[in-house]
């Protein structure tokens, strides 16, 4: 049987799925069609983001993943696709803003209590990426308006391994600091028992690069990278071993074997940046449309969106590693054996 464009895309369902509340109440509001189409498009893009993230989770969950393999290239490519989709979501607000506040008021009250706050797909996406329940703004009511089956979907996503958790496991497998790698060529200042010579030297160079007002960063460094205080921060997902691996990737990303891992870390930061841009654009649009009025779903409108925008940084632990970067001129010189492992082989 031949495939037809119309049937393949099920356009009968899609093109007849715009049922306007204003038409049901015999008070046609022209801009409600735009409002419906944009939000339906958002939900379709959320579905695609879920499709991409699920495939990334499946790959990262494998017990071994070569850092220079086609699988990692696939992960990086799909993360990049997610970033591009999120950029589209931000730009859709440009179309929404062609609707004036008075145009919106023609049908706004007909939507109560429906609200974008009821988008279970977006909440599930945040959970799949790694946003914990305790880190949510307004967590006391963030599922209150959802249907029971939707709450169940989100709870399952929160209990499953997130992208951030799988990233931690992948980073912990970075092999360069294991005993079978030769670091004997690295002479470390302030070498300490139980501390790898690279990190002893790096801490020494970090200390030299800090101003007096920044010296407290050494305490944070010892906690995040060496785990010296023995206290686990319940708000942190990355372990000291994962933090060390991520920082090492950032520092030496020019080496061939670390280029894909760096692109992955940078892509995740891009996801956070685009999500943040979307939230702030949404917040500003809401303020433009309804000012300080309560949202149709009962939220505090702009104030809720501002709180979520300020708090919902999923990959903030990766971003905070930039606080511990040092100048390239201070980077410890890697032994030849390590450089060979990273892809730069020295001729004898």
Foldseek 3Di string as FASTA:
>chain_A
DDDDPCVVVVVVCVVPVQDALCVVVVQDQPCSSVVVVLVVVVLVLLVVLVVLLVLLCVLLPDPDDQLQDVSLVSNLVSLVVNLVSLVVLLCSVVVVVVQALVSCVSCQLSCFLDDPLASLSVLLSLLQQFFALVLAQPSVCSCVPYDPVSVVSSVVSNVDQHNLLSLQVNLLVPPCQDPVFDQVVFDAPPDDPPDRRQVRRLLVLLCVQDDPVCNCVSVVLCCQQVVVVVDDDPVDNHHNSSLVSLLVLVLPVVQVSSVSVVSSLVSLVSSLVSVLSNLVSLLVSQCRNPNQDAHSNRHRRSVSSVVRSVRSRRVVVSVCSVVSDDDNVSRGDGDQRSSVVSPDHDDD
